[in-house]
Amino acid sequence: MRTPRTLRRGWPAAAGTVLLVGASAWGAGPPASVVTTVHNLSVSGPGEVRSLTETEVCKFCHIPHNALEPEPLWGHALSKVPSYAVPPLRSRGGAAAPQPDGASRLCLSCHDGTVALGEIAGQARPIEMAGAQRLTPGRPGFLGTDLSGSHPISFVISDAGTQDPVPGEDIGLKSAGVIRSDPKVRLDAENKMQCTTCHDAHADRYFQEDRVPRFWVAPTVSEVCLSCHALR
């Protein structure tokens, strides 16, 4: 189990903060609410997948007592996948990225498709859902257990990880010092890149079909990518 410090920069410190999220460091838009997003899996949720009976919005992820992960008061059952297929870290000689941890592990408890969306800690049976009981291939948000075609996650942004530009490549990696000092870069407390670096689970104000992904932390894809990367 991760310590509370691990998740500090990526997730709110208490479940009472999850409903309303203020304007992000990107400085755009009014406060946004998870209630209006597809992460609202209660009966009031706007998406196809939602509960048939449960009215509480926060319950699908957070629990006030006996949390599985302390700092975000995480209450959704965690995946028991022994290992994920992960992409190589080109900046470190092609070594495989580490296994997901911290906030990314929490995201995968729904998005890898191995756990029912309504499977909550302390409940004998999962909450019954309309649309789907769990994410399956072909559904929006399904990532599966093979992450090798995705951006690496859960790796430490460190000086040892940066390298000189590679001839012929059109994008580089900014120095670790520049990345860590940028307030818009949402690393976790261990300077790790997590799902929450690019996505805000509680606000989906920037989504545009085929242009900007769900729960993106900025109005455009490039604004996030160019916080860490440099075009050449």
C-alpha atoms as a PDB file:
ATOM      1  CA  MET A   1       0.000   0.000   0.000  1.00  0.00           C
ATOM      2  CA  ARG A   2       1.234   3.453  -0.864  1.00  0.00           C
ATOM      3  CA  THR A   3       1.789   6.020   1.844  1.00  0.00           C
ATOM      4  CA  PRO A   4      -0.387   9.155   1.963  1.00  0.00           C
ATOM      5  CA  ARG A   5       2.539  11.275   0.769  1.00  0.00           C
ATOM      6  CA  THR A   6       2.698   9.405  -2.537  1.00  0.00           C
ATOM      7  CA  LEU A   7      -0.638  10.759  -3.786  1.00  0.00           C
ATOM      8  CA  ARG A   8      -0.535  14.238  -2.328  1.00  0.00           C
ATOM      9  CA  ARG A   9      -0.165  16.308  -5.511  1.00  0.00           C
ATOM     10  CA  GLY A  10      -2.394  14.183  -7.694  1.00  0.00           C
ATOM     11  CA  TRP A  11      -5.520  13.740  -5.543  1.00  0.00           C
ATOM     12  CA  PRO A  12      -7.550  15.749  -2.992  1.00  0.00           C
ATOM     13  CA  ALA A  13      -6.755  15.200   0.657  1.00  0.00           C
ATOM     14  CA  ALA A  14     -10.313  14.366   1.727  1.00  0.00           C
ATOM     15  CA  ALA A  15     -13.488  13.083   0.124  1.00  0.00           C
ATOM     16  CA  GLY A  16     -15.272  16.311   0.954  1.00  0.00           C
ATOM     17  CA  THR A  17     -13.224  18.104  -1.696  1.00  0.00           C
ATOM     18  CA  VAL A  18     -14.157  15.933  -4.634  1.00  0.00           C
ATOM     19  CA  LEU A  19     -17.404  17.530  -5.803  1.00  0.00           C
ATOM     20  CA  LEU A  20     -16.240  21.006  -6.686  1.00  0.00           C
ATOM     21  CA  VAL A  21     -12.866  21.620  -8.274  1.00  0.00           C
ATOM     22  CA  GLY A  22     -11.598  25.149  -8.728  1.00  0.00           C
ATOM     23  CA  ALA A  23      -9.984  26.549 -11.830  1.00  0.00           C
ATOM     24  CA  SER A  24      -6.779  24.685 -12.527  1.00  0.00           C
ATOM     25  CA  ALA A  25      -3.271  26.050 -12.746  1.00  0.00           C
ATOM     26  CA  TRP A  26      -3.945  26.504 -16.447  1.00  0.00           C
ATOM     27  CA  GLY A  27      -6.242  29.366 -15.379  1.00  0.00           C
ATOM     28  CA  ALA A  28      -9.184  28.657 -17.669  1.00  0.00           C
ATOM     29  CA  GLY A  29     -12.880  28.341 -16.973  1.00  0.00           C
ATOM     30  CA  PRO A  30     -15.138  28.500 -13.923  1.00  0.00           C
ATOM     31  CA  PRO A  31     -15.154  25.845 -11.180  1.00  0.00           C
ATOM     32  CA  ALA A  32     -16.239  22.474 -12.567  1.00  0.00           C
ATOM     33  CA  SER A  33     -18.154  19.677 -10.878  1.00  0.00           C
ATOM     34  CA  VAL A  34     -17.693  15.934 -11.169  1.00  0.00           C
ATOM     35  CA  VAL A  35     -21.488  15.710 -11.042  1.00  0.00           C
ATOM     36  CA  THR A  36     -21.764  16.745 -14.691  1.00  0.00           C
ATOM     37  CA  THR A  37     -19.115  14.283 -15.945  1.00  0.00           C
ATOM     38  CA  VAL A  38     -19.225  10.610 -16.903  1.00  0.00           C
ATOM     39  CA  HIS A  39     -17.315   9.890 -13.680  1.00  0.00           C
ATOM     40  CA  ASN A  40     -20.632  10.490 -11.938  1.00  0.00           C
ATOM     41  CA  LEU A  41     -21.773   6.860 -11.895  1.00  0.00           C
ATOM     42  CA  SER A  42     -24.787   7.488  -9.669  1.00  0.00           C
ATOM     43  CA  VAL A  43     -28.377   7.436 -10.967  1.00  0.00           C
ATOM     44  CA  SER A  44     -27.976  11.135 -11.836  1.00  0.00           C
ATOM     45  CA  GLY A  45     -24.925  10.557 -14.051  1.00  0.00           C
ATOM     46  CA  PRO A  46     -25.050  11.835 -17.631  1.00  0.00           C
ATOM     47  CA  GLY A  47     -23.376   8.814 -19.200  1.00  0.00           C
ATOM     48  CA  GLU A  48     -24.733   5.539 -20.544  1.00  0.00           C
ATOM     49  CA  VAL A  49     -23.065   3.652 -17.678  1.00  0.00           C
ATOM     50  CA  ARG A  50     -24.585   4.561 -14.318  1.00  0.00           C
ATOM     51  CA  SER A  51     -26.136   3.000 -11.247  1.00  0.00           C
ATOM     52  CA  LEU A  52     -29.689   1.727 -11.222  1.00  0.00           C
ATOM     53  CA  THR A  53     -30.234   2.736  -7.592  1.00  0.00           C
ATOM     54  CA  GLU A  54     -27.246   4.494  -5.974  1.00  0.00           C
ATOM     55  CA  THR A  55     -27.721   8.255  -5.513  1.00  0.00           C
ATOM     56  CA  GLU A  56     -24.355   9.078  -3.894  1.00  0.00           C
ATOM     57  CA  VAL A  57     -21.839  10.491  -6.361  1.00  0.00           C
ATOM     58  CA  CYS A  58     -18.561  10.188  -4.423  1.00  0.00           C
ATOM     59  CA  LYS A  59     -19.246   6.643  -3.214  1.00  0.00           C
ATOM     60  CA  PHE A  60     -17.902   4.958  -6.339  1.00  0.00           C
ATOM     61  CA  CYS A  61     -14.342   6.105  -5.595  1.00  0.00           C
ATOM     62  CA  HIS A  62     -14.175   7.456  -2.047  1.00  0.00           C
ATOM     63  CA  ILE A  63     -15.100   6.175   1.394  1.00  0.00           C
ATOM     64  CA  PRO A  64     -14.997   8.134   4.695  1.00  0.00           C
ATOM     65  CA  HIS A  65     -13.727   5.238   6.855  1.00  0.00           C
ATOM     66  CA  ASN A  66     -11.404   2.250   6.414  1.00  0.00           C
ATOM     67  CA  ALA A  67     -10.066   3.525   3.098  1.00  0.00           C
ATOM     68  CA  LEU A  68      -7.945   1.254   0.917  1.00  0.00           C
ATOM     69  CA  GLU A  69      -5.592   4.178   0.204  1.00  0.00           C
ATOM     70  CA  PRO A  70      -5.501   6.766   3.005  1.00  0.00           C
ATOM     71  CA  GLU A  71      -5.026  10.195   1.506  1.00  0.00           C
ATOM     72  CA  PRO A  72      -7.708  10.194  -1.204  1.00  0.00           C
ATOM     73  CA  LEU A  73      -9.911   8.054   1.093  1.00  0.00           C
ATOM     74  CA  TRP A  74     -10.070   5.553  -1.746  1.00  0.00           C
ATOM     75  CA  GLY A  75     -12.947   3.089  -1.513  1.00  0.00           C
ATOM     76  CA  HIS A  76     -13.169   1.354  -4.901  1.00  0.00           C
ATOM     77  CA  ALA A  77     -11.810  -2.183  -5.020  1.00  0.00           C
ATOM     78  CA  LEU A  78      -8.294  -2.298  -6.444  1.00  0.00           C
ATOM     79  CA  SER A  79      -7.260  -4.515  -9.339  1.00  0.00           C
ATOM     80  CA  LYS A  80      -5.274  -7.626  -8.533  1.00  0.00           C
ATOM     81  CA  VAL A  81      -3.498  -7.762 -11.896  1.00  0.00           C
ATOM     82  CA  PRO A  82      -0.038  -9.265 -11.179  1.00  0.00           C
ATOM     83  CA  SER A  83       1.647  -7.133 -13.826  1.00  0.00           C
ATOM     84  CA  TYR A  84       0.770  -4.865 -16.715  1.00  0.00           C
ATOM     85  CA  ALA A  85       2.498  -4.779 -20.081  1.00  0.00           C
ATOM     86  CA  VAL A  86       4.219  -1.385 -20.077  1.00  0.00           C
ATOM     87  CA  PRO A  87       5.969   0.706 -22.749  1.00  0.00           C
ATOM     88  CA  PRO A  88       9.720   1.376 -22.851  1.00  0.00           C
ATOM     89  CA  LEU A  89      11.231   4.585 -21.540  1.00  0.00           C
ATOM     90  CA  ARG A  90      13.116   5.914 -24.545  1.00  0.00           C
ATOM     91  CA  SER A  91      14.871   8.506 -22.392  1.00  0.00           C
ATOM     92  CA  ARG A  92      16.432   5.672 -20.372  1.00  0.00           C
ATOM     93  CA  GLY A  93      17.780   3.484 -23.109  1.00  0.00           C
ATOM     94  CA  GLY A  94      14.540   1.659 -23.832  1.00  0.00           C
ATOM     95  CA  ALA A  95      14.118   0.197 -20.348  1.00  0.00           C
ATOM     96  CA  ALA A  96      10.544  -0.797 -19.483  1.00  0.00           C
ATOM     97  CA  ALA A  97       8.534   1.702 -17.491  1.00  0.00           C
ATOM     98  CA  PRO A  98       7.746   0.676 -13.895  1.00  0.00           C
ATOM     99  CA  GLN A  99       4.477  -0.949 -12.935  1.00  0.00           C
ATOM    100  CA  PRO A 100       1.629   1.522 -12.224  1.00  0.00           C
ATOM    101  CA  ASP A 101       1.445   2.798  -8.676  1.00  0.00           C
ATOM    102  CA  GLY A 102       0.029   5.767  -6.769  1.00  0.00           C
ATOM    103  CA  ALA A 103      -2.869   7.582  -8.419  1.00  0.00           C
ATOM    104  CA  SER A 104      -2.430   5.586 -11.644  1.00  0.00           C
ATOM    105  CA  ARG A 105      -3.122   2.331  -9.809  1.00  0.00           C
ATOM    106  CA  LEU A 106      -6.340   3.842  -8.510  1.00  0.00           C
ATOM    107  CA  CYS A 107      -7.444   4.908 -11.997  1.00  0.00           C
ATOM    108  CA  LEU A 108      -6.774   1.416 -13.323  1.00  0.00           C
ATOM    109  CA  SER A 109      -9.076  -0.136 -10.734  1.00  0.00           C
ATOM    110  CA  CYS A 110     -11.870   0.822 -13.147  1.00  0.00           C
ATOM    111  CA  HIS A 111     -10.090   1.440 -16.418  1.00  0.00           C
ATOM    112  CA  ASP A 112      -8.268  -1.876 -16.805  1.00  0.00           C
ATOM    113  CA  GLY A 113     -11.663  -3.579 -16.955  1.00  0.00           C
ATOM    114  CA  THR A 114     -10.901  -6.325 -14.413  1.00  0.00           C
ATOM    115  CA  VAL A 115     -13.026  -4.948 -11.563  1.00  0.00           C
ATOM    116  CA  ALA A 116     -16.740  -4.147 -11.528  1.00  0.00           C
ATOM    117  CA  LEU A 117     -17.431  -0.406 -11.585  1.00  0.00           C
ATOM    118  CA  GLY A 118     -19.699  -0.736  -8.554  1.00  0.00           C
ATOM    119  CA  GLU A 119     -17.360  -2.922  -6.497  1.00  0.00           C
ATOM    120  CA  ILE A 120     -16.928  -0.888  -3.327  1.00  0.00           C
ATOM    121  CA  ALA A 121     -14.846  -1.786  -0.257  1.00  0.00           C
ATOM    122  CA  GLY A 122     -16.949  -3.117   2.593  1.00  0.00           C
ATOM    123  CA  GLN A 123     -19.978  -3.959   0.448  1.00  0.00           C
ATOM    124  CA  ALA A 124     -20.968  -7.581   0.061  1.00  0.00           C
ATOM    125  CA  ARG A 125     -22.157  -7.102  -3.533  1.00  0.00           C
ATOM    126  CA  PRO A 126     -21.235  -4.605  -6.265  1.00  0.00           C
ATOM    127  CA  ILE A 127     -23.638  -1.780  -7.000  1.00  0.00           C
ATOM    128  CA  GLU A 128     -25.828  -2.820  -9.940  1.00  0.00           C
ATOM    129  CA  MET A 129     -25.172  -0.727 -13.026  1.00  0.00           C
ATOM    130  CA  ALA A 130     -27.044   0.109 -16.214  1.00  0.00           C
ATOM    131  CA  GLY A 131     -25.060  -0.015 -19.449  1.00  0.00           C
ATOM    132  CA  ALA A 132     -22.179  -2.159 -18.210  1.00  0.00           C
ATOM    133  CA  GLN A 133     -20.981  -3.759 -14.993  1.00  0.00           C
ATOM    134  CA  ARG A 134     -17.356  -3.154 -15.954  1.00  0.00           C
ATOM    135  CA  LEU A 135     -15.447  -1.543 -18.801  1.00  0.00           C
ATOM    136  CA  THR A 136     -14.883  -3.882 -21.727  1.00  0.00           C
ATOM    137  CA  PRO A 137     -12.915  -3.673 -25.009  1.00  0.00           C
ATOM    138  CA  GLY A 138     -14.373  -1.106 -27.359  1.00  0.00           C
ATOM    139  CA  ARG A 139     -15.965   0.994 -24.620  1.00  0.00           C
ATOM    140  CA  PRO A 140     -14.724   4.539 -23.995  1.00  0.00           C
ATOM    141  CA  GLY A 141     -12.253   4.564 -21.127  1.00  0.00           C
ATOM    142  CA  PHE A 142     -11.232   0.912 -21.435  1.00  0.00           C
ATOM    143  CA  LEU A 143      -7.439   0.543 -21.208  1.00  0.00           C
ATOM    144  CA  GLY A 144      -7.065  -3.150 -20.442  1.00  0.00           C
ATOM    145  CA  THR A 145      -3.933  -4.664 -18.920  1.00  0.00           C
ATOM    146  CA  ASP A 146      -1.679  -4.059 -21.930  1.00  0.00           C
ATOM    147  CA  LEU A 147      -0.468  -0.474 -21.511  1.00  0.00           C
ATOM    148  CA  SER A 148       2.390  -0.814 -23.991  1.00  0.00           C
ATOM    149  CA  GLY A 149       0.642   1.459 -26.488  1.00  0.00           C
ATOM    150  CA  SER A 150       0.116   4.223 -23.929  1.00  0.00           C
ATOM    151  CA  HIS A 151       2.286   6.966 -22.463  1.00  0.00           C
ATOM    152  CA  PRO A 152       4.525   5.603 -19.677  1.00  0.00           C
ATOM    153  CA  ILE A 153       3.305   6.291 -16.133  1.00  0.00           C
ATOM    154  CA  SER A 154       4.583   5.986 -12.560  1.00  0.00           C
ATOM    155  CA  PHE A 155       8.180   6.850 -13.446  1.00  0.00           C
ATOM    156  CA  VAL A 156      10.232   9.448 -11.595  1.00  0.00           C
ATOM    157  CA  ILE A 157      11.125  12.639 -13.450  1.00  0.00           C
ATOM    158  CA  SER A 158      14.798  12.791 -12.599  1.00  0.00           C
ATOM    159  CA  ASP A 159      17.943  14.402 -13.948  1.00  0.00           C
ATOM    160  CA  ALA A 160      19.264  10.948 -14.762  1.00  0.00           C
ATOM    161  CA  GLY A 161      16.296  10.398 -17.049  1.00  0.00           C
ATOM    162  CA  THR A 162      16.956  13.301 -19.427  1.00  0.00           C
ATOM    163  CA  GLN A 163      19.167  12.869 -22.439  1.00  0.00           C
ATOM    164  CA  ASP A 164      20.622  14.887 -25.284  1.00  0.00           C
ATOM    165  CA  PRO A 165      18.458  15.326 -28.382  1.00  0.00           C
ATOM    166  CA  VAL A 166      18.426  12.313 -30.681  1.00  0.00           C
ATOM    167  CA  PRO A 167      19.174  13.180 -34.339  1.00  0.00           C
ATOM    168  CA  GLY A 168      16.118  12.733 -36.517  1.00  0.00           C
ATOM    169  CA  GLU A 169      13.570  12.917 -33.688  1.00  0.00           C
ATOM    170  CA  ASP A 170      11.177  15.862 -33.831  1.00  0.00           C
ATOM    171  CA  ILE A 171      10.403  16.046 -30.130  1.00  0.00           C
ATOM    172  CA  GLY A 172      12.669  16.138 -27.114  1.00  0.00           C
ATOM    173  CA  LEU A 173      12.362  16.093 -23.337  1.00  0.00           C
ATOM    174  CA  LYS A 174      12.880  19.226 -21.279  1.00  0.00           C
ATOM    175  CA  SER A 175      15.342  19.135 -18.420  1.00  0.00           C
ATOM    176  CA  ALA A 176      14.088  17.653 -15.163  1.00  0.00           C
ATOM    177  CA  GLY A 177      14.616  20.974 -13.387  1.00  0.00           C
ATOM    178  CA  VAL A 178      12.390  22.815 -15.854  1.00  0.00           C
ATOM    179  CA  ILE A 179       9.669  20.174 -15.620  1.00  0.00           C
ATOM    180  CA  ARG A 180       9.667  20.041 -11.822  1.00  0.00           C
ATOM    181  CA  SER A 181       9.630  23.822 -11.447  1.00  0.00           C
ATOM    182  CA  ASP A 182       6.615  24.342 -13.740  1.00  0.00           C
ATOM    183  CA  PRO A 183       3.495  24.724 -11.541  1.00  0.00           C
ATOM    184  CA  LYS A 184       1.325  23.468 -14.392  1.00  0.00           C
ATOM    185  CA  VAL A 185       3.027  20.059 -14.422  1.00  0.00           C
ATOM    186  CA  ARG A 186       1.042  17.853 -12.070  1.00  0.00           C
ATOM    187  CA  LEU A 187       3.660  15.398 -10.798  1.00  0.00           C
ATOM    188  CA  ASP A 188       2.904  13.519  -7.599  1.00  0.00           C
ATOM    189  CA  ALA A 189       4.791  14.006  -4.333  1.00  0.00           C
ATOM    190  CA  GLU A 190       7.545  11.630  -5.492  1.00  0.00           C
ATOM    191  CA  ASN A 191       8.052  13.575  -8.751  1.00  0.00           C
ATOM    192  CA  LYS A 192       6.358  10.787 -10.697  1.00  0.00           C
ATOM    193  CA  MET A 193       4.371  11.135 -13.881  1.00  0.00           C
ATOM    194  CA  GLN A 194       0.945   9.611 -13.215  1.00  0.00           C
ATOM    195  CA  CYS A 195      -2.424   9.493 -14.976  1.00  0.00           C
ATOM    196  CA  THR A 196      -3.278  12.584 -12.938  1.00  0.00           C
ATOM    197  CA  THR A 197      -0.448  14.521 -14.598  1.00  0.00           C
ATOM    198  CA  CYS A 198      -2.563  14.839 -17.746  1.00  0.00           C
ATOM    199  CA  HIS A 199      -6.068  14.046 -16.481  1.00  0.00           C
ATOM    200  CA  ASP A 200      -8.234  15.540 -13.722  1.00  0.00           C
ATOM    201  CA  ALA A 201     -10.741  12.908 -12.608  1.00  0.00           C
ATOM    202  CA  HIS A 202     -13.114  15.541 -11.217  1.00  0.00           C
ATOM    203  CA  ALA A 203     -13.384  17.991 -14.125  1.00  0.00           C
ATOM    204  CA  ASP A 204     -14.006  17.444 -17.836  1.00  0.00           C
ATOM    205  CA  ARG A 205     -14.409  21.026 -19.060  1.00  0.00           C
ATOM    206  CA  TYR A 206     -12.096  20.709 -22.066  1.00  0.00           C
ATOM    207  CA  PHE A 207     -13.277  17.490 -23.728  1.00  0.00           C
ATOM    208  CA  GLN A 208     -13.790  17.668 -27.503  1.00  0.00           C
ATOM    209  CA  GLU A 209     -14.622  14.574 -29.502  1.00  0.00           C
ATOM    210  CA  ASP A 210     -11.558  13.461 -31.523  1.00  0.00           C
ATOM    211  CA  ARG A 211      -9.623  16.571 -30.405  1.00  0.00           C
ATOM    212  CA  VAL A 212      -9.165  16.780 -26.633  1.00  0.00           C
ATOM    213  CA  PRO A 213      -9.310  13.651 -24.427  1.00  0.00           C
ATOM    214  CA  ARG A 214     -11.670  13.169 -21.518  1.00  0.00           C
ATOM    215  CA  PHE A 215     -10.714  14.874 -18.250  1.00  0.00           C
ATOM    216  CA  TRP A 216      -7.786  16.694 -19.874  1.00  0.00           C
ATOM    217  CA  VAL A 217      -6.184  19.361 -17.678  1.00  0.00           C
ATOM    218  CA  ALA A 218      -5.846  22.006 -20.410  1.00  0.00           C
ATOM    219  CA  PRO A 219      -7.841  23.298 -23.396  1.00  0.00           C
ATOM    220  CA  THR A 220      -5.549  21.614 -25.948  1.00  0.00           C
ATOM    221  CA  VAL A 221      -3.473  18.457 -26.099  1.00  0.00           C
ATOM    222  CA  SER A 222      -0.332  20.408 -26.978  1.00  0.00           C
ATOM    223  CA  GLU A 223      -0.461  22.570 -23.854  1.00  0.00           C
ATOM    224  CA  VAL A 224      -0.018  19.472 -21.722  1.00  0.00           C
ATOM    225  CA  CYS A 225       2.509  17.677 -23.926  1.00  0.00           C
ATOM    226  CA  LEU A 226       4.728  20.750 -24.294  1.00  0.00           C
ATOM    227  CA  SER A 227       4.981  21.182 -20.547  1.00  0.00           C
ATOM    228  CA  CYS A 228       7.455  18.282 -20.539  1.00  0.00           C
ATOM    229  CA  HIS A 229       8.424  17.943 -24.189  1.00  0.00           C
ATOM    230  CA  ALA A 230      10.089  20.374 -26.604  1.00  0.00           C
ATOM    231  CA  LEU A 231       9.532  20.521 -30.347  1.00  0.00           C
ATOM    232  CA  ARG A 232      12.631  20.676 -32.536  1.00  0.00           C
END
